[in-house]
């Protein structure tokens, strides 16, 4: 008499999939913060179109930025101060890009005496399509 019995077992791979997704999201967040920081560095490079100034104590000159342009770099302190950091893991992870230089905030948003020289917000805006593409690849 033939045996018509079918036997099978199910194995739950969901915890492994969640771990893999969590790891991939963390890597994506790290890559995203690096993209934003690199864009900040790009924006803080190059020539500006503002007023020409003499460097104190020298014969050298430098050109400042106009309102609305990213700040001009005279010595490179602002540019070299930008760092990226990822805190936490998995779905709780957060990425940060910023500078601890006190005047970075004043340049980004301006003061009552100076118009803004935005660079961090435009860097994020410019990086957004690349970051979205990065996370779309992770989710697929």
Protein backbone atom coordinates (compact mmCIF):
# COMPACT_ATOMS: atom_id res chain seq x y z
CA UNK A 1 0.00 0.00 0.00
CA UNK A 2 1.55 3.35 -1.07
CA UNK A 3 2.19 5.95 1.56
CA UNK A 4 0.48 9.23 0.56
CA UNK A 5 1.78 11.06 3.56
CA UNK A 6 3.69 14.30 2.95
CA UNK A 7 6.04 15.54 5.63
CA UNK A 8 7.73 18.93 5.82
CA UNK A 9 9.14 21.31 8.38
CA UNK A 10 9.36 25.06 8.50
CA UNK A 11 12.32 26.98 9.78
CA UNK A 12 12.06 30.58 10.91
CA UNK A 13 14.82 32.69 9.31
CA UNK A 14 13.26 35.99 10.37
CA UNK A 15 15.76 36.71 13.20
CA UNK A 16 18.69 36.21 10.80
CA UNK A 17 17.05 38.41 8.18
CA UNK A 18 16.45 41.12 10.79
CA UNK A 19 20.10 40.97 11.85
CA UNK A 20 21.26 41.24 8.23
CA UNK A 21 18.92 44.15 7.56
CA UNK A 22 20.05 45.92 10.73
CA UNK A 23 23.70 45.52 9.71
CA UNK A 24 22.98 46.73 6.17
CA UNK A 25 21.08 49.77 7.47
CA UNK A 26 23.99 50.64 9.76
CA UNK A 27 26.43 50.41 6.86
CA UNK A 28 24.10 52.50 4.71
CA UNK A 29 23.86 55.16 7.40
CA UNK A 30 27.65 55.27 7.70
CA UNK A 31 28.02 55.62 3.93
CA UNK A 32 25.33 58.32 3.90
CA UNK A 33 27.09 60.40 6.54
CA UNK A 34 30.35 60.07 4.62
CA UNK A 35 28.58 61.27 1.45
CA UNK A 36 27.26 64.36 3.26
CA UNK A 37 30.65 65.17 4.81
CA UNK A 38 32.39 64.81 1.45
CA UNK A 39 29.83 67.15 -0.10
CA UNK A 40 30.48 69.71 2.67
CA UNK A 41 34.20 69.51 1.89
CA UNK A 42 33.48 69.99 -1.80
CA UNK A 43 31.28 73.02 -1.12
CA UNK A 44 33.93 74.56 1.12
CA UNK A 45 36.54 74.30 -1.65
CA UNK A 46 37.16 76.55 -4.60
CA UNK A 47 36.94 80.24 -5.36
CA UNK A 48 34.25 82.64 -4.24
CA UNK A 49 32.95 85.84 -5.80
CA UNK A 50 32.86 88.25 -2.86
CA UNK A 51 35.08 91.11 -1.80
CA UNK A 52 38.88 90.87 -2.09
CA UNK A 53 40.76 91.25 1.22
CA UNK A 54 44.42 91.41 2.21
CA UNK A 55 45.65 88.72 4.58
CA UNK A 56 46.85 90.64 7.68
CA UNK A 57 50.64 90.86 7.97
CA UNK A 58 51.25 89.63 4.42
CA UNK A 59 51.00 90.79 0.84
CA UNK A 60 48.60 87.97 0.02
CA UNK A 61 44.93 88.46 -0.73
CA UNK A 62 41.89 86.23 -0.57
CA UNK A 63 38.38 86.54 -1.91
CA UNK A 64 35.52 86.30 0.57
CA UNK A 65 32.16 84.75 -0.14
CA UNK A 66 29.03 86.65 -1.03
CA UNK A 67 25.83 86.18 0.98
CA UNK A 68 24.25 82.87 0.04
CA UNK A 69 27.53 81.30 -1.13
CA UNK A 70 29.34 78.73 0.98
CA UNK A 71 31.98 80.42 3.12
CA UNK A 72 35.37 81.15 1.60
CA UNK A 73 38.26 79.20 3.08
CA UNK A 74 41.22 81.29 4.11
CA UNK A 75 43.06 78.91 6.45
CA UNK A 76 40.93 75.77 6.14
CA UNK A 77 39.94 75.44 9.82
CA UNK A 78 36.22 75.15 9.11
CA UNK A 79 36.71 72.67 6.27
CA UNK A 80 39.02 70.42 8.27
CA UNK A 81 36.74 70.50 11.33
CA UNK A 82 33.81 68.68 9.72
CA UNK A 83 33.39 65.12 10.98
CA UNK A 84 30.83 62.34 10.64
CA UNK A 85 29.63 59.99 13.34
CA UNK A 86 27.12 57.16 13.63
CA UNK A 87 25.72 56.46 17.08
CA UNK A 88 23.68 53.40 17.96
CA UNK A 89 22.93 50.32 15.92
CA UNK A 90 20.16 48.96 13.76
CA UNK A 91 16.91 50.88 13.65
CA UNK A 92 18.06 53.05 16.55
CA UNK A 93 21.20 54.31 14.77
CA UNK A 94 21.61 58.00 14.05
CA UNK A 95 24.11 59.66 11.73
CA UNK A 96 25.63 63.07 12.41
CA UNK A 97 27.71 65.41 10.28
CA UNK A 98 28.96 68.59 11.83
CA UNK A 99 31.70 70.82 13.09
CA UNK A 100 32.65 71.81 16.60
CA UNK A 101 34.07 75.09 15.34
CA UNK A 102 31.99 77.73 17.09
CA UNK A 103 31.50 79.95 14.05
CA UNK A 104 30.19 77.14 11.78
CA UNK A 105 26.65 77.77 13.04
CA UNK A 106 26.94 81.52 12.45
CA UNK A 107 28.15 80.97 8.91
CA UNK A 108 25.37 78.48 8.15
CA UNK A 109 22.51 80.61 9.50
CA UNK A 110 23.95 84.12 9.58
CA UNK A 111 23.74 86.71 12.35
CA UNK A 112 22.04 90.05 12.65
CA UNK A 113 25.21 91.58 11.13
CA UNK A 114 25.99 88.94 8.50
CA UNK A 115 23.92 87.14 5.87
CA UNK A 116 24.08 83.31 5.91
CA UNK A 117 26.79 81.38 4.07
CA UNK A 118 24.99 78.02 3.96
CA UNK A 119 27.06 74.92 3.34
CA UNK A 120 25.77 72.06 5.55
CA UNK A 121 22.12 72.26 4.48
CA UNK A 122 23.04 72.48 0.76
CA UNK A 123 25.42 69.53 1.25
CA UNK A 124 22.56 67.47 2.69
CA UNK A 125 20.23 68.57 -0.10
CA UNK A 126 22.84 67.70 -2.77
CA UNK A 127 23.55 64.30 -1.16
CA UNK A 128 19.91 63.29 -0.69
CA UNK A 129 19.44 61.57 -4.11
CA UNK A 130 22.61 59.49 -3.61
CA UNK A 131 21.54 58.54 -0.08
CA UNK A 132 18.05 57.55 -1.26
CA UNK A 133 19.57 55.41 -4.01
CA UNK A 134 21.90 53.79 -1.47
CA UNK A 135 19.04 52.80 0.83
CA UNK A 136 16.86 51.61 -2.05
CA UNK A 137 19.66 49.18 -2.97
CA UNK A 138 19.84 47.97 0.64
CA UNK A 139 16.10 47.30 0.87
CA UNK A 140 15.95 45.37 -2.43
